[in-house]
Amino acid sequence: MHNAPKHLLFILAPLVVVFALLPGVYQNHLLLFNFVIFLILAQGVNIIYGFTGYLPFGYVGFFGAGAYGFAIMVMHLQTPAPLAVLVGGGVAVLLGLLLTPLLRLSGAYFAIANLAASLAVLHFVANPALEGITKGPYGVSLTGTFNPTHAYYAAVVVMALTVGAVVYLKNSPFGLALQAVREDAVSASMAGVNIIKMRVIAWLASALVAGLAGGIYAWYVSVFYPDNVFSGEFSIFAIVFALFGGVATISGPIVGVLILYGIYNLIGFTTPQYFQLIYGLLIMGLVLFLPAGLVSLATRRGWHVP
């Protein structure tokens, strides 16, 4: 744990300060908010994939569950928004508990089953028979709680806590045990590591992160449909950003989001006809030449990258 305070100082502090101050000088607050949300989700993917090796194609299921947990609390119980965000995180954790049997699977089987589970949650929420609870496929309107400024700063707080959690995982015996399980579960078990407990804790922690992000997203936009908050883009983008920068690191997902989401917004809006091509080439190059992510360039040179 001796490196944790240094990593918090040099990575977390500037990140929080920059995103806390940017709304005062940059007027596109929605773009800044999306950056923060993807920073949260990429680190959430990092927790489950980088430290356990489980690739969550259906990660958006937790995000959507958090959004609807928030919405139901606000619509039916008039819960204050900050408390409703916490409930959204709790709903995602409950969904994670329900889906813990998926951890018996591995590799592509887990990824596909996780994706199927997220689609099942989408269809459950969008069921017209549940209109009285979730509004079904007709969308949610939470204009009474609409406060993008408060929602933005709540997202910055959750981002800080999430990065702090990854700093802990990277430097703690618990995180080292998780990585040992990822590399060789049999050897880790023989060394006395409780494999099931480790995986479940990481799984639920990643679910909590996505659920909190989903709740804050619902608070920020206030009007959304099931297809919006259960869009596969949230999963795919978070996974690609984390892999591009480098998983099982603190800075990798941050670098991935800042570079790739920056390129996405630059190319996607100015020259959308070239976006898919350039983005695809970037990802192909990553897979072929930098399978460990961009941070591997620094480690190859002998630099220490947190």
C-alpha atoms as a PDB file:
ATOM      1  CA  MET A   1       0.000   0.000   0.000  1.00  0.00           C
ATOM      2  CA  HIS A   2       3.009   2.343   0.160  1.00  0.00           C
ATOM      3  CA  ASN A   3       2.443   3.543  -3.419  1.00  0.00           C
ATOM      4  CA  ALA A   4      -1.253   4.325  -2.953  1.00  0.00           C
ATOM      5  CA  PRO A   5      -0.897   7.880  -1.557  1.00  0.00           C
ATOM      6  CA  LYS A   6       1.509   8.820  -4.364  1.00  0.00           C
ATOM      7  CA  HIS A   7      -0.832   7.463  -7.032  1.00  0.00           C
ATOM      8  CA  LEU A   8      -3.774   9.287  -5.490  1.00  0.00           C
ATOM      9  CA  LEU A   9      -1.779  12.508  -5.530  1.00  0.00           C
ATOM     10  CA  PHE A  10      -0.415  12.332  -9.067  1.00  0.00           C
ATOM     11  CA  ILE A  11      -3.387  10.764 -10.865  1.00  0.00           C
ATOM     12  CA  LEU A  12      -6.582  11.389  -8.957  1.00  0.00           C
ATOM     13  CA  ALA A  13      -6.011  14.947  -7.742  1.00  0.00           C
ATOM     14  CA  PRO A  14      -5.315  16.526 -11.184  1.00  0.00           C
ATOM     15  CA  LEU A  15      -8.158  14.533 -12.762  1.00  0.00           C
ATOM     16  CA  VAL A  16     -10.692  15.754 -10.213  1.00  0.00           C
ATOM     17  CA  VAL A  17      -9.442  19.350 -10.286  1.00  0.00           C
ATOM     18  CA  VAL A  18      -9.565  19.523 -14.089  1.00  0.00           C
ATOM     19  CA  PHE A  19     -13.093  18.126 -14.403  1.00  0.00           C
ATOM     20  CA  ALA A  20     -14.320  20.190 -11.465  1.00  0.00           C
ATOM     21  CA  LEU A  21     -13.078  23.432 -13.008  1.00  0.00           C
ATOM     22  CA  LEU A  22     -13.715  22.807 -16.728  1.00  0.00           C
ATOM     23  CA  PRO A  23     -17.477  23.613 -16.652  1.00  0.00           C
ATOM     24  CA  GLY A  24     -16.526  27.172 -15.780  1.00  0.00           C
ATOM     25  CA  VAL A  25     -14.427  27.634 -18.925  1.00  0.00           C
ATOM     26  CA  TYR A  26     -15.890  25.149 -21.429  1.00  0.00           C
ATOM     27  CA  GLN A  27     -19.543  25.505 -22.331  1.00  0.00           C
ATOM     28  CA  ASN A  28     -20.269  22.019 -23.702  1.00  0.00           C
ATOM     29  CA  HIS A  29     -21.216  20.569 -20.326  1.00  0.00           C
ATOM     30  CA  LEU A  30     -22.858  17.478 -21.842  1.00  0.00           C
ATOM     31  CA  LEU A  31     -19.567  16.500 -23.483  1.00  0.00           C
ATOM     32  CA  LEU A  32     -17.706  16.928 -20.187  1.00  0.00           C
ATOM     33  CA  PHE A  33     -20.365  14.903 -18.405  1.00  0.00           C
ATOM     34  CA  ASN A  34     -20.040  12.077 -20.934  1.00  0.00           C
ATOM     35  CA  PHE A  35     -16.274  12.067 -20.443  1.00  0.00           C
ATOM     36  CA  VAL A  36     -16.755  11.656 -16.688  1.00  0.00           C
ATOM     37  CA  ILE A  37     -19.355   8.892 -17.134  1.00  0.00           C
ATOM     38  CA  PHE A  38     -17.051   6.949 -19.449  1.00  0.00           C
ATOM     39  CA  LEU A  39     -14.144   7.421 -17.057  1.00  0.00           C
ATOM     40  CA  ILE A  40     -16.315   5.796 -14.379  1.00  0.00           C
ATOM     41  CA  LEU A  41     -17.483   2.958 -16.636  1.00  0.00           C
ATOM     42  CA  ALA A  42     -14.001   2.243 -18.030  1.00  0.00           C
ATOM     43  CA  GLN A  43     -12.641   1.893 -14.499  1.00  0.00           C
ATOM     44  CA  GLY A  44     -15.628  -0.302 -13.630  1.00  0.00           C
ATOM     45  CA  VAL A  45     -14.708  -2.592 -16.527  1.00  0.00           C
ATOM     46  CA  ASN A  46     -11.121  -2.422 -15.297  1.00  0.00           C
ATOM     47  CA  ILE A  47     -12.184  -3.767 -11.894  1.00  0.00           C
ATOM     48  CA  ILE A  48     -13.916  -6.846 -13.282  1.00  0.00           C
ATOM     49  CA  TYR A  49     -11.838  -7.521 -16.403  1.00  0.00           C
ATOM     50  CA  GLY A  50      -8.441  -6.122 -15.499  1.00  0.00           C
ATOM     51  CA  PHE A  51      -8.313  -7.824 -12.114  1.00  0.00           C
ATOM     52  CA  THR A  52     -10.283 -11.042 -12.742  1.00  0.00           C
ATOM     53  CA  GLY A  53     -10.251 -11.624 -16.507  1.00  0.00           C
ATOM     54  CA  TYR A  54     -14.062 -11.625 -16.935  1.00  0.00           C
ATOM     55  CA  LEU A  55     -15.028  -9.582 -20.014  1.00  0.00           C
ATOM     56  CA  PRO A  56     -18.503  -8.071 -19.388  1.00  0.00           C
ATOM     57  CA  PHE A  57     -20.153  -7.494 -22.771  1.00  0.00           C
ATOM     58  CA  GLY A  58     -23.419  -6.878 -20.916  1.00  0.00           C
ATOM     59  CA  TYR A  59     -21.959  -4.343 -18.481  1.00  0.00           C
ATOM     60  CA  VAL A  60     -24.616  -1.851 -19.566  1.00  0.00           C
ATOM     61  CA  GLY A  61     -27.191  -3.980 -17.720  1.00  0.00           C
ATOM     62  CA  PHE A  62     -25.882  -2.597 -14.423  1.00  0.00           C
ATOM     63  CA  PHE A  63     -25.860   0.929 -15.841  1.00  0.00           C
ATOM     64  CA  GLY A  64     -29.484   0.649 -16.956  1.00  0.00           C
ATOM     65  CA  ALA A  65     -30.517  -0.959 -13.665  1.00  0.00           C
ATOM     66  CA  GLY A  66     -29.000   1.994 -11.807  1.00  0.00           C
ATOM     67  CA  ALA A  67     -30.832   4.469 -14.042  1.00  0.00           C
ATOM     68  CA  TYR A  68     -34.187   2.782 -13.490  1.00  0.00           C
ATOM     69  CA  GLY A  69     -33.529   2.306  -9.782  1.00  0.00           C
ATOM     70  CA  PHE A  70     -33.019   6.076  -9.593  1.00  0.00           C
ATOM     71  CA  ALA A  71     -36.113   6.767 -11.706  1.00  0.00           C
ATOM     72  CA  ILE A  72     -38.440   4.519  -9.692  1.00  0.00           C
ATOM     73  CA  MET A  73     -37.334   6.050  -6.391  1.00  0.00           C
ATOM     74  CA  VAL A  74     -37.896   9.576  -7.713  1.00  0.00           C
ATOM     75  CA  MET A  75     -41.185   8.859  -9.519  1.00  0.00           C
ATOM     76  CA  HIS A  76     -42.923   6.827  -6.846  1.00  0.00           C
ATOM     77  CA  LEU A  77     -41.310   7.848  -3.552  1.00  0.00           C
ATOM     78  CA  GLN A  78     -40.124  11.397  -4.339  1.00  0.00           C
ATOM     79  CA  THR A  79     -36.699  10.418  -3.018  1.00  0.00           C
ATOM     80  CA  PRO A  80     -34.044  13.175  -3.062  1.00  0.00           C
ATOM     81  CA  ALA A  81     -31.763  12.737  -6.066  1.00  0.00           C
ATOM     82  CA  PRO A  82     -28.500  11.985  -4.176  1.00  0.00           C
ATOM     83  CA  LEU A  83     -30.194   9.237  -2.161  1.00  0.00           C
ATOM     84  CA  ALA A  84     -31.860   7.871  -5.299  1.00  0.00           C
ATOM     85  CA  VAL A  85     -28.415   7.614  -6.930  1.00  0.00           C
ATOM     86  CA  LEU A  86     -27.247   5.448  -4.018  1.00  0.00           C
ATOM     87  CA  VAL A  87     -30.364   3.289  -4.400  1.00  0.00           C
ATOM     88  CA  GLY A  88     -29.572   2.949  -8.121  1.00  0.00           C
ATOM     89  CA  GLY A  89     -26.157   1.615  -7.161  1.00  0.00           C
ATOM     90  CA  GLY A  90     -27.822  -0.781  -4.730  1.00  0.00           C
ATOM     91  CA  VAL A  91     -30.194  -2.049  -7.429  1.00  0.00           C
ATOM     92  CA  ALA A  92     -27.210  -2.795  -9.671  1.00  0.00           C
ATOM     93  CA  VAL A  93     -25.538  -4.703  -6.826  1.00  0.00           C
ATOM     94  CA  LEU A  94     -28.718  -6.756  -6.313  1.00  0.00           C
ATOM     95  CA  LEU A  95     -28.739  -7.532 -10.033  1.00  0.00           C
ATOM     96  CA  GLY A  96     -25.077  -8.517  -9.724  1.00  0.00           C
ATOM     97  CA  LEU A  97     -25.961 -10.893  -6.871  1.00  0.00           C
ATOM     98  CA  LEU A  98     -28.698 -12.408  -9.015  1.00  0.00           C
ATOM     99  CA  LEU A  99     -26.218 -12.950 -11.843  1.00  0.00           C
ATOM    100  CA  THR A 100     -23.356 -14.378  -9.768  1.00  0.00           C
ATOM    101  CA  PRO A 101     -23.982 -17.879 -11.247  1.00  0.00           C
ATOM    102  CA  LEU A 102     -22.558 -16.462 -14.495  1.00  0.00           C
ATOM    103  CA  LEU A 103     -19.137 -16.447 -12.826  1.00  0.00           C
ATOM    104  CA  ARG A 104     -19.133 -20.228 -13.185  1.00  0.00           C
ATOM    105  CA  LEU A 105     -18.577 -19.588 -16.881  1.00  0.00           C
ATOM    106  CA  SER A 106     -15.392 -18.249 -18.421  1.00  0.00           C
ATOM    107  CA  GLY A 107     -14.091 -16.640 -21.586  1.00  0.00           C
ATOM    108  CA  ALA A 108     -16.532 -16.179 -24.445  1.00  0.00           C
ATOM    109  CA  TYR A 109     -19.229 -18.162 -22.622  1.00  0.00           C
ATOM    110  CA  PHE A 110     -19.284 -15.622 -19.795  1.00  0.00           C
ATOM    111  CA  ALA A 111     -19.198 -12.662 -22.190  1.00  0.00           C
ATOM    112  CA  ILE A 112     -22.145 -13.953 -24.235  1.00  0.00           C
ATOM    113  CA  ALA A 113     -24.183 -14.975 -21.178  1.00  0.00           C
ATOM    114  CA  ASN A 114     -23.575 -11.576 -19.610  1.00  0.00           C
ATOM    115  CA  LEU A 115     -24.745  -9.857 -22.791  1.00  0.00           C
ATOM    116  CA  ALA A 116     -27.874 -12.038 -22.879  1.00  0.00           C
ATOM    117  CA  ALA A 117     -28.593 -11.164 -19.247  1.00  0.00           C
ATOM    118  CA  SER A 118     -28.404  -7.432 -19.976  1.00  0.00           C
ATOM    119  CA  LEU A 119     -30.839  -7.853 -22.883  1.00  0.00           C
ATOM    120  CA  ALA A 120     -33.193  -9.783 -20.597  1.00  0.00           C
ATOM    121  CA  VAL A 121     -33.136  -6.914 -18.089  1.00  0.00           C
ATOM    122  CA  LEU A 122     -33.855  -4.455 -20.916  1.00  0.00           C
ATOM    123  CA  HIS A 123     -36.903  -6.415 -22.072  1.00  0.00           C
ATOM    124  CA  PHE A 124     -38.099  -6.796 -18.491  1.00  0.00           C
ATOM    125  CA  VAL A 125     -37.925  -3.054 -17.837  1.00  0.00           C
ATOM    126  CA  ALA A 126     -39.495  -2.214 -21.220  1.00  0.00           C
ATOM    127  CA  ASN A 127     -42.423  -4.612 -20.726  1.00  0.00           C
ATOM    128  CA  PRO A 128     -45.692  -2.675 -21.281  1.00  0.00           C
ATOM    129  CA  ALA A 129     -47.231  -4.656 -18.410  1.00  0.00           C
ATOM    130  CA  LEU A 130     -44.889  -2.778 -16.052  1.00  0.00           C
ATOM    131  CA  GLU A 131     -45.945   0.664 -17.278  1.00  0.00           C
ATOM    132  CA  GLY A 132     -47.231   1.553 -13.821  1.00  0.00           C
ATOM    133  CA  ILE A 133     -43.778   0.943 -12.308  1.00  0.00           C
ATOM    134  CA  THR A 134     -41.112   1.540 -14.963  1.00  0.00           C
ATOM    135  CA  LYS A 135     -43.246   3.348 -17.585  1.00  0.00           C
ATOM    136  CA  GLY A 136     -42.494   0.383 -19.847  1.00  0.00           C
ATOM    137  CA  PRO A 137     -41.304   1.288 -23.354  1.00  0.00           C
ATOM    138  CA  TYR A 138     -42.830   4.763 -23.146  1.00  0.00           C
ATOM    139  CA  GLY A 139     -39.924   6.494 -21.457  1.00  0.00           C
ATOM    140  CA  VAL A 140     -39.256   8.180 -18.138  1.00  0.00           C
ATOM    141  CA  SER A 141     -39.619  11.897 -17.409  1.00  0.00           C
ATOM    142  CA  LEU A 142     -38.009  13.200 -14.232  1.00  0.00           C
ATOM    143  CA  THR A 143     -38.143  16.926 -14.912  1.00  0.00           C
ATOM    144  CA  GLY A 144     -38.832  17.657 -11.240  1.00  0.00           C
ATOM    145  CA  THR A 145     -35.303  16.572 -10.325  1.00  0.00           C
ATOM    146  CA  PHE A 146     -33.576  18.029 -13.397  1.00  0.00           C
ATOM    147  CA  ASN A 147     -30.346  19.619 -12.180  1.00  0.00           C
ATOM    148  CA  PRO A 148     -27.452  18.945 -14.561  1.00  0.00           C
ATOM    149  CA  THR A 149     -24.991  20.964 -12.491  1.00  0.00           C
ATOM    150  CA  HIS A 150     -25.508  18.919  -9.331  1.00  0.00           C
ATOM    151  CA  ALA A 151     -25.560  15.692 -11.365  1.00  0.00           C
ATOM    152  CA  TYR A 152     -22.260  16.617 -13.030  1.00  0.00           C
ATOM    153  CA  TYR A 153     -20.464  17.203  -9.745  1.00  0.00           C
ATOM    154  CA  ALA A 154     -21.966  14.012  -8.322  1.00  0.00           C
ATOM    155  CA  ALA A 155     -20.419  12.210 -11.299  1.00  0.00           C
ATOM    156  CA  VAL A 156     -17.029  13.791 -10.531  1.00  0.00           C
ATOM    157  CA  VAL A 157     -17.292  12.540  -6.930  1.00  0.00           C
ATOM    158  CA  VAL A 158     -18.148   8.998  -8.086  1.00  0.00           C
ATOM    159  CA  MET A 159     -15.294   9.127 -10.602  1.00  0.00           C
ATOM    160  CA  ALA A 160     -12.893  10.065  -7.799  1.00  0.00           C
ATOM    161  CA  LEU A 161     -14.147   7.247  -5.574  1.00  0.00           C
ATOM    162  CA  THR A 162     -13.917   4.737  -8.432  1.00  0.00           C
ATOM    163  CA  VAL A 163     -10.356   5.697  -9.327  1.00  0.00           C
ATOM    164  CA  GLY A 164      -9.520   5.547  -5.618  1.00  0.00           C
ATOM    165  CA  ALA A 165     -10.913   2.014  -5.491  1.00  0.00           C
ATOM    166  CA  VAL A 166      -8.713   0.986  -8.435  1.00  0.00           C
ATOM    167  CA  VAL A 167      -5.701   2.547  -6.704  1.00  0.00           C
ATOM    168  CA  TYR A 168      -6.522   0.362  -3.700  1.00  0.00           C
ATOM    169  CA  LEU A 169      -6.871  -2.754  -5.867  1.00  0.00           C
ATOM    170  CA  LYS A 170      -3.588  -2.046  -7.608  1.00  0.00           C
ATOM    171  CA  ASN A 171      -1.655  -1.667  -4.356  1.00  0.00           C
ATOM    172  CA  SER A 172      -3.420  -3.883  -1.810  1.00  0.00           C
ATOM    173  CA  PRO A 173      -2.969  -7.588  -0.962  1.00  0.00           C
ATOM    174  CA  PHE A 174      -6.592  -8.062  -2.013  1.00  0.00           C
ATOM    175  CA  GLY A 175      -5.884  -6.695  -5.488  1.00  0.00           C
ATOM    176  CA  LEU A 176      -2.737  -8.791  -5.817  1.00  0.00           C
ATOM    177  CA  ALA A 177      -4.743 -11.869  -4.846  1.00  0.00           C
ATOM    178  CA  LEU A 178      -7.325 -11.000  -7.516  1.00  0.00           C
ATOM    179  CA  GLN A 179      -4.621 -10.770 -10.154  1.00  0.00           C
ATOM    180  CA  ALA A 180      -3.191 -14.095  -8.987  1.00  0.00           C
ATOM    181  CA  VAL A 181      -6.617 -15.658  -9.465  1.00  0.00           C
ATOM    182  CA  ARG A 182      -6.814 -14.152 -12.948  1.00  0.00           C
ATOM    183  CA  GLU A 183      -3.398 -15.513 -13.946  1.00  0.00           C
ATOM    184  CA  ASP A 184      -3.736 -19.002 -12.455  1.00  0.00           C
ATOM    185  CA  ALA A 185      -6.812 -19.852 -10.415  1.00  0.00           C
ATOM    186  CA  VAL A 186      -5.569 -23.328  -9.480  1.00  0.00           C
ATOM    187  CA  SER A 187      -2.272 -22.085  -8.059  1.00  0.00           C
ATOM    188  CA  ALA A 188      -4.030 -19.238  -6.249  1.00  0.00           C
ATOM    189  CA  SER A 189      -6.470 -21.691  -4.686  1.00  0.00           C
ATOM    190  CA  MET A 190      -3.630 -23.929  -3.553  1.00  0.00           C
ATOM    191  CA  ALA A 191      -2.021 -20.854  -1.945  1.00  0.00           C
ATOM    192  CA  GLY A 192      -5.150 -20.358   0.166  1.00  0.00           C
ATOM    193  CA  VAL A 193      -6.946 -17.689  -1.878  1.00  0.00           C
ATOM    194  CA  ASN A 194     -10.754 -17.917  -1.732  1.00  0.00           C
ATOM    195  CA  ILE A 195     -11.361 -17.710  -5.479  1.00  0.00           C
ATOM    196  CA  ILE A 196     -15.158 -17.540  -5.386  1.00  0.00           C
ATOM    197  CA  LYS A 197     -15.222 -14.810  -2.752  1.00  0.00           C
ATOM    198  CA  MET A 198     -12.631 -12.745  -4.618  1.00  0.00           C
ATOM    199  CA  ARG A 199     -14.474 -12.922  -7.922  1.00  0.00           C
ATOM    200  CA  VAL A 200     -17.857 -12.124  -6.386  1.00  0.00           C
ATOM    201  CA  ILE A 201     -16.502  -9.056  -4.559  1.00  0.00           C
ATOM    202  CA  ALA A 202     -14.911  -7.699  -7.759  1.00  0.00           C
ATOM    203  CA  TRP A 203     -18.097  -8.475  -9.712  1.00  0.00           C
ATOM    204  CA  LEU A 204     -20.317  -6.634  -7.216  1.00  0.00           C
ATOM    205  CA  ALA A 205     -17.890  -3.707  -6.964  1.00  0.00           C
ATOM    206  CA  SER A 206     -17.977  -3.266 -10.737  1.00  0.00           C
ATOM    207  CA  ALA A 207     -21.791  -3.521 -10.658  1.00  0.00           C
ATOM    208  CA  LEU A 208     -21.946  -0.802  -7.975  1.00  0.00           C
ATOM    209  CA  VAL A 209     -19.770   1.502 -10.056  1.00  0.00           C
ATOM    210  CA  ALA A 210     -21.976   1.097 -13.145  1.00  0.00           C
ATOM    211  CA  GLY A 211     -25.169   1.442 -11.097  1.00  0.00           C
ATOM    212  CA  LEU A 212     -24.042   4.719  -9.553  1.00  0.00           C
ATOM    213  CA  ALA A 213     -23.069   5.997 -13.006  1.00  0.00           C
ATOM    214  CA  GLY A 214     -26.480   4.988 -14.360  1.00  0.00           C
ATOM    215  CA  GLY A 215     -28.296   6.748 -11.537  1.00  0.00           C
ATOM    216  CA  ILE A 216     -26.329   9.935 -12.109  1.00  0.00           C
ATOM    217  CA  TYR A 217     -26.930   9.697 -15.855  1.00  0.00           C
ATOM    218  CA  ALA A 218     -30.694   9.463 -15.227  1.00  0.00           C
ATOM    219  CA  TRP A 219     -30.448  12.490 -12.939  1.00  0.00           C
ATOM    220  CA  TYR A 220     -28.564  14.467 -15.577  1.00  0.00           C
ATOM    221  CA  VAL A 221     -30.738  13.722 -18.618  1.00  0.00           C
ATOM    222  CA  SER A 222     -34.049  13.326 -16.698  1.00  0.00           C
ATOM    223  CA  VAL A 223     -35.867  12.085 -19.820  1.00  0.00           C
ATOM    224  CA  PHE A 224     -34.891   8.732 -21.322  1.00  0.00           C
ATOM    225  CA  TYR A 225     -36.165   5.471 -22.790  1.00  0.00           C
ATOM    226  CA  PRO A 226     -35.077   1.897 -21.995  1.00  0.00           C
ATOM    227  CA  ASP A 227     -33.099   1.703 -25.236  1.00  0.00           C
ATOM    228  CA  ASN A 228     -31.112   4.790 -24.197  1.00  0.00           C
ATOM    229  CA  VAL A 229     -29.788   3.536 -20.862  1.00  0.00           C
ATOM    230  CA  PHE A 230     -29.448  -0.085 -21.997  1.00  0.00           C
ATOM    231  CA  SER A 231     -27.649   0.827 -25.228  1.00  0.00           C
ATOM    232  CA  GLY A 232     -24.825  -1.575 -26.022  1.00  0.00           C
ATOM    233  CA  GLU A 233     -22.620   1.420 -26.822  1.00  0.00           C
ATOM    234  CA  PHE A 234     -22.027   1.968 -23.110  1.00  0.00           C
ATOM    235  CA  SER A 235     -20.567  -1.523 -22.739  1.00  0.00           C
ATOM    236  CA  ILE A 236     -18.571  -1.496 -25.959  1.00  0.00           C
ATOM    237  CA  PHE A 237     -17.132   1.981 -25.445  1.00  0.00           C
ATOM    238  CA  ALA A 238     -16.164   1.282 -21.830  1.00  0.00           C
ATOM    239  CA  ILE A 239     -14.467  -1.990 -22.787  1.00  0.00           C
ATOM    240  CA  VAL A 240     -12.621  -0.484 -25.766  1.00  0.00           C
ATOM    241  CA  PHE A 241     -11.469   2.537 -23.755  1.00  0.00           C
ATOM    242  CA  ALA A 242     -10.149   0.316 -20.958  1.00  0.00           C
ATOM    243  CA  LEU A 243      -8.388  -2.071 -23.355  1.00  0.00           C
ATOM    244  CA  PHE A 244      -6.934   0.752 -25.435  1.00  0.00           C
ATOM    245  CA  GLY A 245      -5.244   2.361 -22.447  1.00  0.00           C
ATOM    246  CA  GLY A 246      -4.394  -0.875 -20.646  1.00  0.00           C
ATOM    247  CA  VAL A 247      -6.311  -2.821 -17.999  1.00  0.00           C
ATOM    248  CA  ALA A 248      -5.080  -3.778 -14.526  1.00  0.00           C
ATOM    249  CA  THR A 249      -3.549  -0.300 -14.335  1.00  0.00           C
ATOM    250  CA  ILE A 250      -4.810   2.941 -12.825  1.00  0.00           C
ATOM    251  CA  SER A 251      -3.936   5.281 -15.664  1.00  0.00           C
ATOM    252  CA  GLY A 252      -4.718   2.985 -18.639  1.00  0.00           C
ATOM    253  CA  PRO A 253      -8.518   3.428 -18.735  1.00  0.00           C
ATOM    254  CA  ILE A 254      -8.116   7.169 -18.112  1.00  0.00           C
ATOM    255  CA  VAL A 255      -5.755   7.489 -21.085  1.00  0.00           C
ATOM    256  CA  GLY A 256      -8.083   5.359 -23.210  1.00  0.00           C
ATOM    257  CA  VAL A 257     -11.116   7.539 -22.498  1.00  0.00           C
ATOM    258  CA  LEU A 258      -9.330  10.853 -22.991  1.00  0.00           C
ATOM    259  CA  ILE A 259      -7.784   9.805 -26.313  1.00  0.00           C
ATOM    260  CA  LEU A 260     -10.455   7.618 -27.893  1.00  0.00           C
ATOM    261  CA  TYR A 261     -13.532   9.516 -26.731  1.00  0.00           C
ATOM    262  CA  GLY A 262     -11.779  12.718 -27.748  1.00  0.00           C
ATOM    263  CA  ILE A 263     -11.161  11.273 -31.219  1.00  0.00           C
ATOM    264  CA  TYR A 264     -14.749   9.993 -31.333  1.00  0.00           C
ATOM    265  CA  ASN A 265     -16.138  13.465 -30.724  1.00  0.00           C
ATOM    266  CA  LEU A 266     -13.715  15.141 -33.102  1.00  0.00           C
ATOM    267  CA  ILE A 267     -14.147  12.731 -36.015  1.00  0.00           C
ATOM    268  CA  GLY A 268     -17.684  11.597 -35.297  1.00  0.00           C
ATOM    269  CA  PHE A 269     -19.119  15.098 -35.593  1.00  0.00           C
ATOM    270  CA  THR A 270     -16.850  16.808 -38.096  1.00  0.00           C
ATOM    271  CA  THR A 271     -16.314  13.954 -40.581  1.00  0.00           C
ATOM    272  CA  PRO A 272     -18.720  11.168 -39.603  1.00  0.00           C
ATOM    273  CA  GLN A 273     -18.182   9.366 -42.912  1.00  0.00           C
ATOM    274  CA  TYR A 274     -14.604   8.585 -41.871  1.00  0.00           C
ATOM    275  CA  PHE A 275     -15.250   7.869 -38.226  1.00  0.00           C
ATOM    276  CA  GLN A 276     -15.962   4.145 -38.442  1.00  0.00           C
ATOM    277  CA  LEU A 277     -12.909   3.574 -40.670  1.00  0.00           C
ATOM    278  CA  ILE A 278     -10.431   5.508 -38.502  1.00  0.00           C
ATOM    279  CA  TYR A 279     -11.803   4.133 -35.252  1.00  0.00           C
ATOM    280  CA  GLY A 280     -11.687   0.590 -36.628  1.00  0.00           C
ATOM    281  CA  LEU A 281      -8.096   1.004 -37.806  1.00  0.00           C
ATOM    282  CA  LEU A 282      -7.087   2.331 -34.380  1.00  0.00           C
ATOM    283  CA  ILE A 283      -8.578  -0.681 -32.646  1.00  0.00           C
ATOM    284  CA  MET A 284      -7.054  -3.132 -35.147  1.00  0.00           C
ATOM    285  CA  GLY A 285      -3.651  -1.557 -34.609  1.00  0.00           C
ATOM    286  CA  LEU A 286      -4.088  -1.851 -30.869  1.00  0.00           C
ATOM    287  CA  VAL A 287      -4.980  -5.532 -30.995  1.00  0.00           C
ATOM    288  CA  LEU A 288      -2.137  -6.365 -33.383  1.00  0.00           C
ATOM    289  CA  PHE A 289       0.692  -4.276 -31.956  1.00  0.00           C
ATOM    290  CA  LEU A 290      -0.292  -3.234 -28.416  1.00  0.00           C
ATOM    291  CA  PRO A 291      -2.407  -5.994 -26.873  1.00  0.00           C
ATOM    292  CA  ALA A 292      -1.516  -4.708 -23.393  1.00  0.00           C
ATOM    293  CA  GLY A 293      -2.685  -1.178 -24.246  1.00  0.00           C
ATOM    294  CA  LEU A 294      -0.931   2.131 -24.692  1.00  0.00           C
ATOM    295  CA  VAL A 295       0.655   2.050 -21.240  1.00  0.00           C
ATOM    296  CA  SER A 296       2.698  -0.949 -22.389  1.00  0.00           C
ATOM    297  CA  LEU A 297       4.742   1.451 -24.538  1.00  0.00           C
ATOM    298  CA  ALA A 298       5.987   3.124 -21.380  1.00  0.00           C
ATOM    299  CA  THR A 299       6.630  -0.119 -19.509  1.00  0.00           C
ATOM    300  CA  ARG A 300       8.683  -1.433 -22.426  1.00  0.00           C
ATOM    301  CA  ARG A 301      10.984   1.528 -21.932  1.00  0.00           C
ATOM    302  CA  GLY A 302      11.372   0.670 -18.286  1.00  0.00           C
ATOM    303  CA  TRP A 303       9.121   3.476 -17.051  1.00  0.00           C
ATOM    304  CA  HIS A 304       6.890   2.786 -14.086  1.00  0.00           C
ATOM    305  CA  VAL A 305       3.249   3.333 -15.034  1.00  0.00           C
ATOM    306  CA  PRO A 306       0.626   3.095 -12.270  1.00  0.00           C
END
